[in-house]
N, C-alpha and C. Protein backbone atom coordinates (compact mmCIF):
# COMPACT_ATOMS: atom_id res chain seq x y z
N UNK A 1 24.51 30.28 -24.41
CA UNK A 1 23.19 30.89 -24.46
C UNK A 1 22.19 30.00 -25.21
N UNK A 2 22.53 29.44 -26.42
CA UNK A 2 21.54 28.59 -27.08
C UNK A 2 21.23 27.34 -26.28
N UNK A 3 22.20 26.85 -25.51
CA UNK A 3 21.94 25.67 -24.69
C UNK A 3 20.96 25.97 -23.58
N UNK A 4 20.97 27.18 -23.07
CA UNK A 4 20.05 27.57 -22.01
C UNK A 4 18.62 27.56 -22.52
N UNK A 5 18.41 28.01 -23.77
CA UNK A 5 17.07 28.02 -24.36
C UNK A 5 16.60 26.59 -24.61
N UNK A 6 17.51 25.75 -25.06
CA UNK A 6 17.15 24.34 -25.29
C UNK A 6 16.79 23.66 -23.99
N UNK A 7 17.55 23.93 -22.93
CA UNK A 7 17.24 23.34 -21.61
C UNK A 7 15.90 23.84 -21.10
N UNK A 8 15.61 25.11 -21.31
CA UNK A 8 14.36 25.70 -20.87
C UNK A 8 13.18 25.06 -21.63
N UNK A 9 13.35 24.88 -22.92
CA UNK A 9 12.29 24.25 -23.73
C UNK A 9 12.08 22.80 -23.29
N UNK A 10 13.16 22.06 -23.02
CA UNK A 10 13.04 20.67 -22.58
C UNK A 10 12.34 20.60 -21.24
N UNK A 11 12.67 21.47 -20.34
CA UNK A 11 12.02 21.47 -19.01
C UNK A 11 10.55 21.82 -19.15
N UNK A 12 10.22 22.83 -19.96
CA UNK A 12 8.83 23.23 -20.14
C UNK A 12 8.01 22.10 -20.79
N UNK A 13 8.58 21.43 -21.78
CA UNK A 13 7.88 20.30 -22.40
C UNK A 13 7.64 19.17 -21.40
N UNK A 14 8.64 18.89 -20.58
CA UNK A 14 8.48 17.83 -19.58
C UNK A 14 7.39 18.19 -18.59
N UNK A 15 7.40 19.41 -18.09
CA UNK A 15 6.38 19.87 -17.14
C UNK A 15 5.00 19.84 -17.81
N UNK A 16 4.93 20.29 -19.04
CA UNK A 16 3.65 20.28 -19.76
C UNK A 16 3.12 18.86 -19.93
N UNK A 17 3.98 17.92 -20.30
CA UNK A 17 3.55 16.55 -20.50
C UNK A 17 3.09 15.91 -19.20
N UNK A 18 3.84 16.11 -18.13
CA UNK A 18 3.43 15.55 -16.83
C UNK A 18 2.13 16.18 -16.36
N UNK A 19 2.01 17.48 -16.50
CA UNK A 19 0.79 18.17 -16.08
C UNK A 19 -0.42 17.74 -16.88
N UNK A 20 -0.24 17.60 -18.18
CA UNK A 20 -1.38 17.18 -19.00
C UNK A 20 -1.77 15.74 -18.68
N UNK A 21 -0.79 14.87 -18.37
CA UNK A 21 -1.11 13.49 -17.97
C UNK A 21 -1.91 13.49 -16.68
N UNK A 22 -1.48 14.27 -15.72
CA UNK A 22 -2.17 14.34 -14.44
C UNK A 22 -3.60 14.86 -14.62
N UNK A 23 -3.78 15.83 -15.48
CA UNK A 23 -5.10 16.40 -15.68
C UNK A 23 -6.00 15.53 -16.56
N UNK A 24 -5.44 14.91 -17.58
CA UNK A 24 -6.26 14.18 -18.55
C UNK A 24 -6.51 12.73 -18.19
N UNK A 25 -5.69 12.13 -17.33
CA UNK A 25 -5.87 10.73 -16.99
C UNK A 25 -7.24 10.46 -16.36
N UNK A 26 -7.69 11.24 -15.39
CA UNK A 26 -9.04 10.98 -14.84
C UNK A 26 -10.15 11.17 -15.88
N UNK A 27 -9.97 12.11 -16.77
CA UNK A 27 -10.97 12.31 -17.82
C UNK A 27 -11.03 11.10 -18.76
N UNK A 28 -9.86 10.57 -19.10
CA UNK A 28 -9.80 9.41 -19.98
C UNK A 28 -10.44 8.19 -19.31
N UNK A 29 -10.21 8.00 -18.01
CA UNK A 29 -10.84 6.88 -17.29
C UNK A 29 -12.35 7.03 -17.28
N UNK A 30 -12.82 8.25 -17.02
CA UNK A 30 -14.28 8.48 -16.99
C UNK A 30 -14.88 8.25 -18.38
N UNK A 31 -14.19 8.70 -19.42
CA UNK A 31 -14.67 8.48 -20.78
C UNK A 31 -14.74 6.98 -21.09
N UNK A 32 -13.78 6.22 -20.63
CA UNK A 32 -13.80 4.77 -20.82
C UNK A 32 -14.99 4.13 -20.14
N UNK A 33 -15.29 4.56 -18.92
CA UNK A 33 -16.46 4.02 -18.21
C UNK A 33 -17.76 4.36 -18.94
N UNK A 34 -17.84 5.60 -19.43
CA UNK A 34 -19.05 6.01 -20.16
C UNK A 34 -19.21 5.17 -21.42
N UNK A 35 -18.13 4.92 -22.12
CA UNK A 35 -18.21 4.10 -23.33
C UNK A 35 -18.61 2.67 -23.01
N UNK A 36 -18.11 2.11 -21.91
CA UNK A 36 -18.52 0.76 -21.50
C UNK A 36 -20.00 0.70 -21.19
N UNK A 37 -20.51 1.71 -20.47
CA UNK A 37 -21.94 1.76 -20.16
C UNK A 37 -22.77 1.88 -21.44
N UNK A 38 -22.30 2.66 -22.37
CA UNK A 38 -23.03 2.84 -23.63
C UNK A 38 -23.10 1.53 -24.41
N UNK A 39 -21.99 0.79 -24.45
CA UNK A 39 -21.97 -0.50 -25.14
C UNK A 39 -22.91 -1.48 -24.45
N UNK A 40 -22.92 -1.47 -23.13
CA UNK A 40 -23.80 -2.37 -22.39
C UNK A 40 -25.27 -2.04 -22.65
N UNK A 41 -25.61 -0.77 -22.69
CA UNK A 41 -26.98 -0.36 -22.98
C UNK A 41 -27.37 -0.78 -24.39
N UNK A 42 -26.46 -0.63 -25.33
CA UNK A 42 -26.74 -1.03 -26.72
C UNK A 42 -26.98 -2.54 -26.82
N UNK A 43 -26.23 -3.31 -26.06
CA UNK A 43 -26.42 -4.77 -26.08
C UNK A 43 -27.79 -5.15 -25.52
N UNK A 44 -28.18 -4.49 -24.44
CA UNK A 44 -29.47 -4.78 -23.82
C UNK A 44 -30.63 -4.35 -24.70
N UNK A 45 -30.42 -3.32 -25.51
CA UNK A 45 -31.50 -2.81 -26.36
C UNK A 45 -31.49 -3.47 -27.74
N UNK A 46 -30.77 -4.57 -27.90
CA UNK A 46 -30.73 -5.23 -29.21
C UNK A 46 -32.10 -5.82 -29.51
N UNK A 47 -32.46 -5.92 -30.79
CA UNK A 47 -33.81 -6.40 -31.15
C UNK A 47 -33.99 -7.87 -30.78
N UNK A 48 -35.22 -8.23 -30.66
CA UNK A 48 -35.59 -9.61 -30.32
C UNK A 48 -35.10 -10.55 -31.42
N UNK A 49 -34.47 -11.64 -31.05
CA UNK A 49 -33.90 -12.57 -32.03
C UNK A 49 -34.99 -13.21 -32.89
N UNK A 50 -36.14 -13.49 -32.30
CA UNK A 50 -37.23 -14.09 -33.05
C UNK A 50 -37.75 -13.13 -34.11
N UNK A 51 -37.90 -11.88 -33.73
CA UNK A 51 -38.35 -10.86 -34.67
C UNK A 51 -37.33 -10.70 -35.79
N UNK A 52 -36.07 -10.73 -35.43
CA UNK A 52 -35.02 -10.59 -36.43
C UNK A 52 -35.04 -11.76 -37.42
N UNK A 53 -35.26 -12.96 -36.94
CA UNK A 53 -35.30 -14.13 -37.84
C UNK A 53 -36.53 -14.06 -38.75
N UNK A 54 -37.67 -13.56 -38.23
CA UNK A 54 -38.85 -13.43 -39.08
C UNK A 54 -38.63 -12.37 -40.16
N UNK A 55 -37.97 -11.30 -39.81
CA UNK A 55 -37.68 -10.25 -40.79
C UNK A 55 -36.74 -10.79 -41.87
N UNK A 56 -35.73 -11.55 -41.47
CA UNK A 56 -34.81 -12.12 -42.46
C UNK A 56 -35.51 -13.11 -43.38
N UNK A 57 -36.44 -13.91 -42.83
CA UNK A 57 -37.19 -14.85 -43.66
C UNK A 57 -38.08 -14.11 -44.66
N UNK A 58 -38.70 -13.05 -44.19
CA UNK A 58 -39.53 -12.24 -45.07
C UNK A 58 -38.71 -11.60 -46.17
N UNK A 59 -37.54 -11.12 -45.81
CA UNK A 59 -36.64 -10.52 -46.80
C UNK A 59 -36.19 -11.55 -47.83
N UNK A 60 -35.90 -12.75 -47.39
CA UNK A 60 -35.50 -13.81 -48.33
C UNK A 60 -36.64 -14.14 -49.28
N UNK A 61 -37.87 -14.18 -48.77
CA UNK A 61 -39.03 -14.44 -49.63
C UNK A 61 -39.21 -13.33 -50.65
N UNK A 62 -39.02 -12.10 -50.23
CA UNK A 62 -39.12 -10.97 -51.16
C UNK A 62 -38.06 -11.04 -52.25
N UNK A 63 -36.84 -11.42 -51.86
CA UNK A 63 -35.77 -11.54 -52.85
C UNK A 63 -36.10 -12.62 -53.87
N UNK A 64 -36.63 -13.74 -53.40
CA UNK A 64 -36.99 -14.83 -54.31
C UNK A 64 -38.09 -14.38 -55.27
N UNK A 65 -39.06 -13.64 -54.78
CA UNK A 65 -40.14 -13.14 -55.62
C UNK A 65 -39.62 -12.16 -56.66
N UNK A 66 -38.70 -11.30 -56.27
CA UNK A 66 -38.12 -10.34 -57.21
C UNK A 66 -37.34 -11.08 -58.30
N UNK A 67 -36.59 -12.11 -57.92
CA UNK A 67 -35.85 -12.89 -58.92
C UNK A 67 -36.81 -13.60 -59.88
N UNK A 68 -37.93 -14.10 -59.36
CA UNK A 68 -38.93 -14.75 -60.21
C UNK A 68 -39.53 -13.75 -61.19
N UNK A 69 -39.85 -12.57 -60.70
CA UNK A 69 -40.40 -11.53 -61.58
C UNK A 69 -39.38 -11.10 -62.62
N UNK A 70 -38.12 -11.04 -62.24
CA UNK A 70 -37.07 -10.67 -63.18
C UNK A 70 -36.98 -11.70 -64.31
N UNK A 71 -37.08 -12.98 -63.97
CA UNK A 71 -37.04 -14.02 -64.99
C UNK A 71 -38.25 -13.92 -65.91
N UNK A 72 -39.40 -13.61 -65.35
CA UNK A 72 -40.60 -13.47 -66.18
C UNK A 72 -40.49 -12.28 -67.12
N UNK A 73 -39.96 -11.18 -66.63
CA UNK A 73 -39.79 -10.00 -67.48
C UNK A 73 -38.81 -10.29 -68.61
N UNK A 74 -37.74 -11.02 -68.32
CA UNK A 74 -36.80 -11.41 -69.37
C UNK A 74 -37.47 -12.27 -70.43
N UNK A 75 -38.29 -13.21 -69.99
CA UNK A 75 -39.00 -14.09 -70.92
C UNK A 75 -39.97 -13.29 -71.79
N UNK A 76 -40.68 -12.37 -71.19
CA UNK A 76 -41.61 -11.52 -71.94
C UNK A 76 -40.84 -10.68 -72.97
N UNK A 77 -39.67 -10.17 -72.57
CA UNK A 77 -38.85 -9.40 -73.50
C UNK A 77 -38.38 -10.22 -74.68
N UNK A 78 -37.98 -11.46 -74.44
CA UNK A 78 -37.56 -12.33 -75.53
C UNK A 78 -38.72 -12.63 -76.48
N UNK A 79 -39.89 -12.88 -75.91
CA UNK A 79 -41.05 -13.16 -76.75
C UNK A 79 -41.44 -11.94 -77.59
N UNK A 80 -41.33 -10.77 -76.99
CA UNK A 80 -41.66 -9.56 -77.72
C UNK A 80 -40.68 -9.34 -78.87
N UNK A 81 -39.40 -9.58 -78.64
CA UNK A 81 -38.41 -9.44 -79.71
C UNK A 81 -38.70 -10.43 -80.83
N UNK A 82 -39.07 -11.66 -80.49
CA UNK A 82 -39.40 -12.67 -81.50
C UNK A 82 -40.60 -12.21 -82.32
N UNK A 83 -41.66 -11.74 -81.64
CA UNK A 83 -42.85 -11.31 -82.37
C UNK A 83 -42.56 -10.11 -83.26
N UNK A 84 -41.72 -9.19 -82.79
CA UNK A 84 -41.36 -8.04 -83.62
C UNK A 84 -40.58 -8.47 -84.86
N UNK A 85 -39.65 -9.39 -84.70
CA UNK A 85 -38.89 -9.86 -85.86
C UNK A 85 -39.79 -10.64 -86.82
N UNK A 86 -40.74 -11.42 -86.29
CA UNK A 86 -41.68 -12.15 -87.13
C UNK A 86 -42.57 -11.18 -87.91
N UNK A 87 -43.08 -10.16 -87.22
CA UNK A 87 -43.92 -9.17 -87.88
C UNK A 87 -43.11 -8.40 -88.93
N UNK A 88 -41.87 -8.11 -88.64
CA UNK A 88 -41.02 -7.38 -89.58
C UNK A 88 -40.76 -8.22 -90.83
N UNK A 89 -40.51 -9.52 -90.66
CA UNK A 89 -40.26 -10.37 -91.82
C UNK A 89 -41.52 -10.53 -92.66
N UNK A 90 -42.66 -10.61 -92.05
CA UNK A 90 -43.92 -10.71 -92.79
C UNK A 90 -44.22 -9.40 -93.52
N UNK A 91 -43.90 -8.30 -92.88
CA UNK A 91 -44.13 -7.00 -93.53
C UNK A 91 -43.23 -6.86 -94.74
N UNK A 92 -42.01 -7.38 -94.68
CA UNK A 92 -41.10 -7.31 -95.83
C UNK A 92 -41.61 -8.18 -96.98
N UNK A 93 -42.23 -9.31 -96.64
CA UNK A 93 -42.78 -10.18 -97.68
C UNK A 93 -43.93 -9.51 -98.42
N UNK A 94 -44.68 -8.71 -97.73
CA UNK A 94 -45.86 -8.06 -98.32
C UNK A 94 -45.50 -6.80 -99.11
N UNK A 95 -44.37 -6.16 -98.78
CA UNK A 95 -44.01 -4.93 -99.45
C UNK A 95 -43.69 -5.19 -100.92
N UNK A 96 -44.24 -4.34 -101.77
CA UNK A 96 -43.90 -4.52 -103.18
C UNK A 96 -42.47 -4.06 -103.43
N UNK A 97 -41.75 -4.80 -104.16
CA UNK A 97 -40.38 -4.45 -104.49
C UNK A 97 -40.11 -4.85 -105.92
N UNK A 98 -38.95 -4.54 -106.39
CA UNK A 98 -38.64 -4.93 -107.76
C UNK A 98 -38.54 -6.43 -107.86
N UNK A 99 -39.34 -6.99 -108.71
CA UNK A 99 -39.34 -8.43 -108.95
C UNK A 99 -38.15 -8.80 -109.83
N UNK A 100 -38.02 -10.08 -110.18
CA UNK A 100 -36.88 -10.49 -111.01
C UNK A 100 -36.94 -9.86 -112.41
N UNK A 101 -38.16 -9.62 -112.92
CA UNK A 101 -38.24 -9.03 -114.25
C UNK A 101 -38.07 -7.53 -114.22
N UNK A 102 -38.22 -6.88 -113.01
CA UNK A 102 -38.12 -5.45 -112.92
C UNK A 102 -36.73 -4.98 -112.52
N UNK A 103 -35.84 -5.84 -112.19
CA UNK A 103 -34.51 -5.45 -111.76
C UNK A 103 -33.71 -4.97 -112.98
N UNK A 104 -32.85 -3.97 -112.78
CA UNK A 104 -32.03 -3.52 -113.89
C UNK A 104 -31.00 -4.55 -114.25
N UNK A 105 -30.56 -4.62 -115.54
CA UNK A 105 -29.58 -5.62 -115.94
C UNK A 105 -28.24 -5.38 -115.28
N UNK A 106 -27.58 -6.43 -114.93
CA UNK A 106 -26.28 -6.35 -114.27
C UNK A 106 -25.22 -6.00 -115.30
N UNK A 107 -24.31 -5.16 -114.89
CA UNK A 107 -23.26 -5.02 -115.71
C UNK A 107 -22.65 -4.07 -116.44
């Protein structure tokens, strides 16, 4: 009895697989043709190579300008830090503090 069920399942699976192949094969071929047509349309609609090269050149110029501005901003930041430290040291020189005669004795 269990062998009969196994044989029935094997036969049903075989029939199902053959039937699905027969039904799905034409659909798969048509889908392949549609995909080929889509790829061909995409190739034909590709942007103009001259326009693309001009855009890339413009982008490269923009990148160079951004790098130049970045270097300038770094330089300005370094100068600002220097001026702040200079102003801070001068402010410390001007601040009244305990002189050598006003310091408490060590010890």
